[in-house]
Protein backbone atom coordinates (compact mmCIF):
# COMPACT_ATOMS: atom_id res chain seq x y z
CA UNK A 1 -2.48 -21.16 17.61
CA UNK A 2 -0.03 -21.57 14.73
CA UNK A 3 2.20 -18.55 14.09
CA UNK A 4 1.37 -17.38 10.56
CA UNK A 5 4.37 -15.66 9.00
CA UNK A 6 5.23 -17.20 5.66
CA UNK A 7 4.38 -19.90 3.17
CA UNK A 8 6.47 -22.77 1.77
CA UNK A 9 7.00 -20.73 -1.37
CA UNK A 10 8.98 -18.18 0.63
CA UNK A 11 11.13 -20.53 2.72
CA UNK A 12 14.68 -19.20 2.66
CA UNK A 13 13.59 -15.84 1.24
CA UNK A 14 14.14 -12.71 3.29
CA UNK A 15 11.00 -10.61 3.77
CA UNK A 16 11.15 -7.02 2.62
CA UNK A 17 9.07 -6.09 5.68
CA UNK A 18 8.73 -8.14 8.87
CA UNK A 19 6.37 -7.12 11.66
CA UNK A 20 6.66 -8.74 15.08
CA UNK A 21 4.35 -8.59 18.12
CA UNK A 22 2.37 -5.66 16.73
CA UNK A 23 -0.23 -4.39 19.17
CA UNK A 24 -2.56 -1.41 19.01
CA UNK A 25 -4.63 -0.13 21.92
CA UNK A 26 -6.78 2.96 22.01
CA UNK A 27 -7.20 2.89 25.80
CA UNK A 28 -5.92 0.81 28.76
CA UNK A 29 -9.08 -1.31 28.68
CA UNK A 30 -8.51 -4.84 27.29
CA UNK A 31 -11.57 -4.57 25.06
CA UNK A 32 -9.98 -1.59 23.26
CA UNK A 33 -7.01 -3.61 22.02
CA UNK A 34 -7.44 -3.73 18.24
CA UNK A 35 -4.29 -5.67 17.27
CA UNK A 36 -3.17 -8.46 19.59
CA UNK A 37 0.49 -9.23 18.99
CA UNK A 38 0.52 -9.86 15.24
CA UNK A 39 3.49 -11.31 13.36
CA UNK A 40 3.60 -10.73 9.61
CA UNK A 41 6.17 -11.21 6.83
CA UNK A 42 5.83 -9.49 3.45
CA UNK A 43 7.99 -10.91 0.66
CA UNK A 44 9.46 -9.13 -2.38
CA UNK A 45 7.24 -9.14 -5.45
CA UNK A 46 4.24 -10.84 -3.86
CA UNK A 47 0.63 -9.72 -3.68
CA UNK A 48 -0.58 -10.29 -0.12
CA UNK A 49 -4.26 -9.91 0.71
CA UNK A 50 -5.53 -9.35 4.25
CA UNK A 51 -9.21 -10.22 4.70
CA UNK A 52 -11.70 -10.40 7.53
CA UNK A 53 -14.92 -8.86 8.88
CA UNK A 54 -15.24 -5.13 9.43
CA UNK A 55 -13.69 -3.88 12.65
CA UNK A 56 -11.06 -6.60 13.12
CA UNK A 57 -8.12 -4.23 12.61
CA UNK A 58 -7.20 -4.68 8.94
CA UNK A 59 -6.90 -0.99 8.10
CA UNK A 60 -5.21 -0.26 11.43
CA UNK A 61 -2.57 -2.85 10.57
CA UNK A 62 -2.12 -1.48 7.05
CA UNK A 63 -1.60 2.03 8.45
CA UNK A 64 1.06 0.73 10.86
CA UNK A 65 2.85 -1.21 8.12
CA UNK A 66 2.83 1.93 5.97
CA UNK A 67 4.13 4.14 8.82
CA UNK A 68 0.94 6.19 8.79
CA UNK A 69 0.05 5.27 12.38
CA UNK A 70 2.22 4.10 15.31
CA UNK A 71 1.49 0.85 17.16
CA UNK A 72 1.31 0.56 20.91
CA UNK A 73 4.00 -2.15 20.78
CA UNK A 74 5.94 -4.03 18.14
CA UNK A 75 8.77 -3.86 15.62
CA UNK A 76 8.87 -3.52 11.85
CA UNK A 77 12.13 -4.59 10.20
CA UNK A 78 12.92 -3.47 6.64
CA UNK A 79 15.32 -5.08 4.15
CA UNK A 80 14.66 -3.04 1.03
CA UNK A 81 16.86 -0.96 -1.26
CA UNK A 82 17.67 1.83 1.25
CA UNK A 83 20.99 0.47 2.52
CA UNK A 84 21.27 2.73 5.55
CA UNK A 85 17.94 1.48 6.85
CA UNK A 86 18.33 -2.25 6.23
CA UNK A 87 17.48 -4.43 9.23
CA UNK A 88 16.48 -1.38 11.27
CA UNK A 89 13.19 -1.11 13.11
CA UNK A 90 11.20 1.39 11.07
CA UNK A 91 8.85 2.05 13.98
CA UNK A 92 11.77 3.30 16.09
CA UNK A 93 13.02 5.79 13.49
CA UNK A 94 12.73 9.55 14.05
CA UNK A 95 9.83 11.22 12.19
CA UNK A 96 12.07 12.58 9.40
CA UNK A 97 13.38 9.13 8.49
CA UNK A 98 9.90 7.61 8.72
CA UNK A 99 8.74 10.25 6.26
CA UNK A 100 11.65 9.39 3.94
CA UNK A 101 10.70 5.70 3.87
CA UNK A 102 6.99 6.45 3.53
CA UNK A 103 7.46 8.96 0.71
CA UNK A 104 10.25 7.29 -1.28
CA UNK A 105 9.66 3.58 -0.80
CA UNK A 106 5.93 3.17 -0.10
CA UNK A 107 2.91 3.93 -2.24
CA UNK A 108 -0.71 4.13 -1.09
CA UNK A 109 -4.06 3.52 -2.79
CA UNK A 110 -7.14 4.33 -0.71
CA UNK A 111 -10.81 3.52 -1.13
CA UNK A 112 -11.76 7.20 -1.24
CA UNK A 113 -8.99 8.16 -3.74
CA UNK A 114 -7.86 11.32 -1.83
CA UNK A 115 -7.25 13.32 -4.99
CA UNK A 116 -6.91 17.07 -4.40
CA UNK A 117 -9.89 18.72 -6.13
CA UNK A 118 -8.11 21.93 -7.19
CA UNK A 119 -5.30 20.09 -9.01
CA UNK A 120 -5.48 18.45 -12.41
CA UNK A 121 -5.02 14.69 -12.65
CA UNK A 122 -1.38 14.99 -13.75
CA UNK A 123 -0.69 17.47 -10.93
CA UNK A 124 -2.17 15.00 -8.42
CA UNK A 125 0.08 12.26 -9.79
CA UNK A 126 3.18 14.47 -9.55
CA UNK A 127 2.46 15.59 -5.98
CA UNK A 128 4.41 12.82 -4.12
CA UNK A 129 7.47 13.59 -6.24
CA UNK A 130 7.17 17.26 -5.33
CA UNK A 131 7.00 16.35 -1.64
CA UNK A 132 10.09 14.16 -2.01
CA UNK A 133 12.11 16.76 -3.88
CA UNK A 134 11.13 19.89 -1.99
CA UNK A 135 10.42 23.34 -3.40
CA UNK A 136 14.11 24.32 -3.51
CA UNK A 137 15.06 21.67 -6.10
CA UNK A 138 11.68 21.18 -7.76
CA UNK A 139 12.44 23.28 -10.84
CA UNK A 140 15.34 21.01 -11.83
CA UNK A 141 13.24 17.81 -11.77
CA UNK A 142 9.78 19.13 -12.66
CA UNK A 143 10.01 18.35 -16.39
CA UNK A 144 11.12 14.77 -15.83
CA UNK A 145 8.47 14.21 -13.13
CA UNK A 146 5.77 15.51 -15.45
CA UNK A 147 6.98 13.21 -18.24
CA UNK A 148 6.90 10.18 -15.92
CA UNK A 149 3.45 11.15 -14.63
CA UNK A 150 2.08 11.29 -18.17
CA UNK A 151 3.67 7.92 -18.92
CA UNK A 152 2.01 6.42 -15.85
CA UNK A 153 -1.36 7.85 -16.84
CA UNK A 154 -0.87 6.22 -20.24
CA UNK A 155 0.01 2.96 -18.50
CA UNK A 156 -3.14 2.97 -16.35
CA UNK A 157 -5.30 3.95 -19.31
CA UNK A 158 -6.34 7.54 -18.60
CA UNK A 159 -3.75 9.68 -20.40
CA UNK A 160 -6.66 11.45 -22.13
CA UNK A 161 -7.83 12.70 -18.70
CA UNK A 162 -4.46 14.14 -17.63
CA UNK A 163 -5.65 17.74 -17.53
CA UNK A 164 -9.13 17.12 -16.12
CA UNK A 165 -10.08 17.84 -12.52
CA UNK A 166 -11.01 14.95 -10.20
CA UNK A 167 -14.65 16.10 -10.20
CA UNK A 168 -14.78 15.35 -13.93
CA UNK A 169 -13.69 11.71 -13.52
CA UNK A 170 -15.66 8.52 -12.99
CA UNK A 171 -14.92 6.38 -9.94
CA UNK A 172 -12.80 4.00 -11.98
CA UNK A 173 -10.84 6.88 -13.50
CA UNK A 174 -10.23 8.37 -10.05
CA UNK A 175 -8.85 5.06 -8.81
CA UNK A 176 -6.60 4.75 -11.86
CA UNK A 177 -5.30 8.25 -11.14
CA UNK A 178 -4.70 7.25 -7.51
CA UNK A 179 -2.77 4.17 -8.66
CA UNK A 180 -0.61 6.28 -10.98
CA UNK A 181 0.08 8.66 -8.09
CA UNK A 182 1.11 5.71 -5.89
CA UNK A 183 3.64 4.63 -8.53
CA UNK A 184 5.28 7.98 -9.32
CA UNK A 185 8.11 7.48 -6.80
CA UNK A 186 8.75 3.91 -8.04
CA UNK A 187 7.93 2.44 -4.61
CA UNK A 188 9.04 -0.94 -3.34
CA UNK A 189 5.73 -1.61 -1.59
CA UNK A 190 2.23 -0.44 -2.44
CA UNK A 191 -0.44 -0.57 0.27
CA UNK A 192 -4.03 -0.72 -1.00
CA UNK A 193 -6.97 -0.18 1.36
CA UNK A 194 -10.18 -1.49 -0.25
CA UNK A 195 -9.01 -0.36 -3.71
CA UNK A 196 -12.26 -1.45 -5.38
CA UNK A 197 -14.63 -0.81 -2.47
CA UNK A 198 -16.46 2.08 -4.17
CA UNK A 199 -16.58 0.62 -7.66
CA UNK A 200 -19.11 -1.43 -9.60
CA UNK A 201 -18.35 -5.02 -10.54
CA UNK A 202 -17.18 -4.36 -14.10
CA UNK A 203 -14.91 -1.48 -13.07
CA UNK A 204 -13.57 -3.49 -10.12
CA UNK A 205 -12.53 -6.29 -12.48
CA UNK A 206 -10.61 -3.80 -14.63
CA UNK A 207 -8.80 -2.44 -11.56
CA UNK A 208 -7.97 -6.01 -10.48
CA UNK A 209 -6.38 -6.68 -13.84
CA UNK A 210 -4.49 -3.38 -13.73
CA UNK A 211 -3.02 -4.06 -10.27
CA UNK A 212 -1.86 -7.54 -11.26
CA UNK A 213 -0.32 -6.30 -14.50
CA UNK A 214 1.55 -3.55 -12.67
CA UNK A 215 2.75 -6.08 -10.10
CA UNK A 216 4.18 -8.30 -12.85
CA UNK A 217 5.68 -5.52 -14.95
CA UNK A 218 7.21 -3.52 -12.11
CA UNK A 219 7.84 -6.40 -9.66
CA UNK A 220 6.25 -4.30 -6.94
CA UNK A 221 5.18 -5.83 -3.68
CA UNK A 222 1.52 -5.16 -2.91
CA UNK A 223 -0.44 -5.51 0.33
CA UNK A 224 -4.22 -5.38 -0.10
CA UNK A 225 -6.88 -4.97 2.56
CA UNK A 226 -10.13 -6.03 0.96
CA UNK A 227 -13.63 -7.43 1.40
CA UNK A 228 -13.63 -8.38 -2.28
CA UNK A 229 -13.37 -12.17 -2.45
CA UNK A 230 -12.56 -12.16 -6.15
CA UNK A 231 -9.68 -9.75 -5.56
CA UNK A 232 -8.32 -11.76 -2.61
CA UNK A 233 -8.59 -15.02 -4.56
CA UNK A 234 -6.08 -13.70 -7.11
CA UNK A 235 -3.42 -12.91 -4.49
CA UNK A 236 -0.29 -14.98 -3.89
CA UNK A 237 -1.24 -15.31 -0.22
CA UNK A 238 -4.32 -14.49 1.83
CA UNK A 239 -4.19 -13.85 5.57
CA UNK A 240 -7.52 -14.13 7.39
CA UNK A 241 -7.95 -11.84 10.37
CA UNK A 242 -10.41 -12.28 13.23
CA UNK A 243 -10.54 -10.21 16.42
CA UNK A 244 -7.12 -8.63 15.95
CA UNK A 245 -5.29 -11.87 15.12
CA UNK A 246 -4.42 -13.90 12.05
CA UNK A 247 -6.23 -17.23 12.15
CA UNK A 248 -5.52 -18.74 8.73
CA UNK A 249 -3.26 -18.43 5.71
CA UNK A 250 -4.33 -19.49 2.23
CA UNK A 251 -2.43 -19.76 -1.02
CA UNK A 252 -5.02 -19.51 -3.82
CA UNK A 253 -4.37 -21.66 -6.89
């Protein structure tokens, strides 16, 4: 089977993230191997969609790429803005450095939002910056982080909900808040797991447009796991996954 790593558009371009021979097993039994030696290249500024039936390993792969879950085997080379980590295998880093990459350079948007119910919207957006800074230095950066959080809420269209609690928001508003939170650290890559999976058609279309506008304006690389054909059709590349392997690459027009 053809090795699917890149498209003609990206020939000569260095990927910002390159996964090789990624495997994931949950037991020694062959039937429990979820990912079967995947190779994947993710290029700067692109929107890459990963599609396929439920249970083929899409979310497992996304979690490995985002350093949320370790693989059984494989490497993940990074060539982003963190000079001391360039060309290193992220999967082999100690936990503290993995956390640094995950918190400073990656952003995450999940299907279920994962907003903390006791915090206001703006406090939820600020939270990753607080985790990055630490309590000791938080006072010196709090004002600037709050200003940037409010700007992001304006950018995603819910500045008027900044001081509401998540329980007071609609599904679309919750996802916009989650997107703002993913952007607060100015990440290089944003990983989205079914970002419109819980939303109605009209709201989903608005979120699609928002993600693409943010990609253009911030030149952020985005990796989407989705069942939404309309969302995937707007991506720069689409990788089709079946039974733990990539079987086809498409470049929608």
